[in-house]
Amino acid sequence: MLSLSSLLPFLSPLVGGALIGLAIAILLLLNGRVAGISGVLAGLTQAEPGERAWSGVFLAGLLAGGVLARVVCRAAARAATAFAA
């Protein structure tokens, strides 16, 4: 019988990949651009204000997502440790 703990190593990357794909599709539909990091970084150096704005927000979201994931993972690890004790 399958349990959640046996599926978690496969489910987490699958959900993460689906979220990345969804974000890229939304960016392509709304902005007409593909979410390539080199292009986003180049957008920060271009003189067009609109290009600079969305590139900055996109990169800020990447950084904020990383910080949020670190906080959530630490909290989950503490909770699992406390539960097991």
C-alpha atoms as a PDB file:
ATOM      1  CA  MET A   1       0.000   0.000   0.000  1.00  0.00           C
ATOM      2  CA  LEU A   2       1.288   3.448  -0.908  1.00  0.00           C
ATOM      3  CA  SER A   3       1.614   6.053   1.808  1.00  0.00           C
ATOM      4  CA  LEU A   4       2.155   9.800   1.566  1.00  0.00           C
ATOM      5  CA  SER A   5       5.696   9.469   2.901  1.00  0.00           C
ATOM      6  CA  SER A   6       6.605   7.073   0.103  1.00  0.00           C
ATOM      7  CA  LEU A   7       5.128   9.392  -2.543  1.00  0.00           C
ATOM      8  CA  LEU A   8       6.622  12.624  -1.183  1.00  0.00           C
ATOM      9  CA  PRO A   9      10.073  12.241  -2.784  1.00  0.00           C
ATOM     10  CA  PHE A  10       8.372  12.021  -6.188  1.00  0.00           C
ATOM     11  CA  LEU A  11       5.442  14.343  -5.575  1.00  0.00           C
ATOM     12  CA  SER A  12       7.420  17.419  -4.440  1.00  0.00           C
ATOM     13  CA  PRO A  13       9.563  17.747  -7.599  1.00  0.00           C
ATOM     14  CA  LEU A  14       6.543  17.012  -9.765  1.00  0.00           C
ATOM     15  CA  VAL A  15       4.491  19.784  -8.169  1.00  0.00           C
ATOM     16  CA  GLY A  16       7.478  22.147  -8.251  1.00  0.00           C
ATOM     17  CA  GLY A  17       8.031  21.502 -11.943  1.00  0.00           C
ATOM     18  CA  ALA A  18       4.354  22.040 -12.665  1.00  0.00           C
ATOM     19  CA  LEU A  19       4.446  25.386 -10.826  1.00  0.00           C
ATOM     20  CA  ILE A  20       7.513  26.494 -12.786  1.00  0.00           C
ATOM     21  CA  GLY A  21       5.830  25.490 -16.045  1.00  0.00           C
ATOM     22  CA  LEU A  22       2.669  27.366 -15.064  1.00  0.00           C
ATOM     23  CA  ALA A  23       4.669  30.495 -14.205  1.00  0.00           C
ATOM     24  CA  ILE A  24       6.512  30.363 -17.536  1.00  0.00           C
ATOM     25  CA  ALA A  25       3.255  29.889 -19.436  1.00  0.00           C
ATOM     26  CA  ILE A  26       1.657  32.842 -17.641  1.00  0.00           C
ATOM     27  CA  LEU A  27       4.671  35.050 -18.369  1.00  0.00           C
ATOM     28  CA  LEU A  28       4.580  34.033 -22.031  1.00  0.00           C
ATOM     29  CA  LEU A  29       0.845  34.705 -22.338  1.00  0.00           C
ATOM     30  CA  LEU A  30       0.837  38.027 -20.474  1.00  0.00           C
ATOM     31  CA  ASN A  31       4.154  39.466 -21.541  1.00  0.00           C
ATOM     32  CA  GLY A  32       5.058  37.605 -24.723  1.00  0.00           C
ATOM     33  CA  ARG A  33       8.401  36.595 -23.250  1.00  0.00           C
ATOM     34  CA  VAL A  34      10.028  33.366 -22.209  1.00  0.00           C
ATOM     35  CA  ALA A  35      11.391  33.296 -18.650  1.00  0.00           C
ATOM     36  CA  GLY A  36      15.084  32.897 -19.456  1.00  0.00           C
ATOM     37  CA  ILE A  37      17.273  34.278 -16.684  1.00  0.00           C
ATOM     38  CA  SER A  38      19.856  35.724 -19.072  1.00  0.00           C
ATOM     39  CA  GLY A  39      17.119  37.656 -20.890  1.00  0.00           C
ATOM     40  CA  VAL A  40      15.591  38.838 -17.623  1.00  0.00           C
ATOM     41  CA  LEU A  41      18.969  40.068 -16.376  1.00  0.00           C
ATOM     42  CA  ALA A  42      19.544  41.812 -19.706  1.00  0.00           C
ATOM     43  CA  GLY A  43      16.178  43.519 -19.232  1.00  0.00           C
ATOM     44  CA  LEU A  44      17.511  45.166 -16.086  1.00  0.00           C
ATOM     45  CA  THR A  45      20.310  46.813 -18.052  1.00  0.00           C
ATOM     46  CA  GLN A  46      18.163  48.095 -20.933  1.00  0.00           C
ATOM     47  CA  ALA A  47      17.088  51.717 -20.996  1.00  0.00           C
ATOM     48  CA  GLU A  48      13.360  51.002 -21.430  1.00  0.00           C
ATOM     49  CA  PRO A  49      11.584  51.626 -18.089  1.00  0.00           C
ATOM     50  CA  GLY A  50       8.871  49.012 -18.705  1.00  0.00           C
ATOM     51  CA  GLU A  51      11.467  46.344 -19.405  1.00  0.00           C
ATOM     52  CA  ARG A  52      13.393  47.203 -16.273  1.00  0.00           C
ATOM     53  CA  ALA A  53      10.283  47.104 -14.075  1.00  0.00           C
ATOM     54  CA  TRP A  54       9.037  43.620 -14.929  1.00  0.00           C
ATOM     55  CA  SER A  55      12.569  42.199 -14.901  1.00  0.00           C
ATOM     56  CA  GLY A  56      13.155  43.574 -11.414  1.00  0.00           C
ATOM     57  CA  VAL A  57       9.856  42.206 -10.133  1.00  0.00           C
ATOM     58  CA  PHE A  58      10.568  38.804 -11.689  1.00  0.00           C
ATOM     59  CA  LEU A  59      14.017  38.580 -10.078  1.00  0.00           C
ATOM     60  CA  ALA A  60      12.657  39.818  -6.733  1.00  0.00           C
ATOM     61  CA  GLY A  61      10.044  37.049  -6.898  1.00  0.00           C
ATOM     62  CA  LEU A  62      12.745  34.454  -7.546  1.00  0.00           C
ATOM     63  CA  LEU A  63      14.704  35.624  -4.520  1.00  0.00           C
ATOM     64  CA  ALA A  64      11.616  35.884  -2.305  1.00  0.00           C
ATOM     65  CA  GLY A  65      10.550  32.380  -3.356  1.00  0.00           C
ATOM     66  CA  GLY A  66      13.937  31.010  -2.341  1.00  0.00           C
ATOM     67  CA  VAL A  67      13.776  32.722   1.049  1.00  0.00           C
ATOM     68  CA  LEU A  68      10.209  31.513   1.603  1.00  0.00           C
ATOM     69  CA  ALA A  69      11.146  27.942   0.687  1.00  0.00           C
ATOM     70  CA  ARG A  70      14.035  28.031   3.154  1.00  0.00           C
ATOM     71  CA  VAL A  71      11.791  29.304   5.970  1.00  0.00           C
ATOM     72  CA  VAL A  72       9.051  26.769   5.226  1.00  0.00           C
ATOM     73  CA  CYS A  73      11.505  23.866   4.975  1.00  0.00           C
ATOM     74  CA  ARG A  74      13.140  24.799   8.286  1.00  0.00           C
ATOM     75  CA  ALA A  75       9.744  25.073   9.988  1.00  0.00           C
ATOM     76  CA  ALA A  76       8.668  21.718   8.562  1.00  0.00           C
ATOM     77  CA  ALA A  77      11.897  20.082   9.704  1.00  0.00           C
ATOM     78  CA  ARG A  78      11.446  21.454  13.227  1.00  0.00           C
ATOM     79  CA  ALA A  79       7.850  20.271  13.334  1.00  0.00           C
ATOM     80  CA  ALA A  80       8.787  16.793  12.113  1.00  0.00           C
ATOM     81  CA  THR A  81      11.577  16.561  14.681  1.00  0.00           C
ATOM     82  CA  ALA A  82       9.288  17.696  17.497  1.00  0.00           C
ATOM     83  CA  PHE A  83       6.601  15.264  16.384  1.00  0.00           C
ATOM     84  CA  ALA A  84       9.001  12.317  16.262  1.00  0.00           C
ATOM     85  CA  ALA A  85      10.364  13.033  19.752  1.00  0.00           C
END
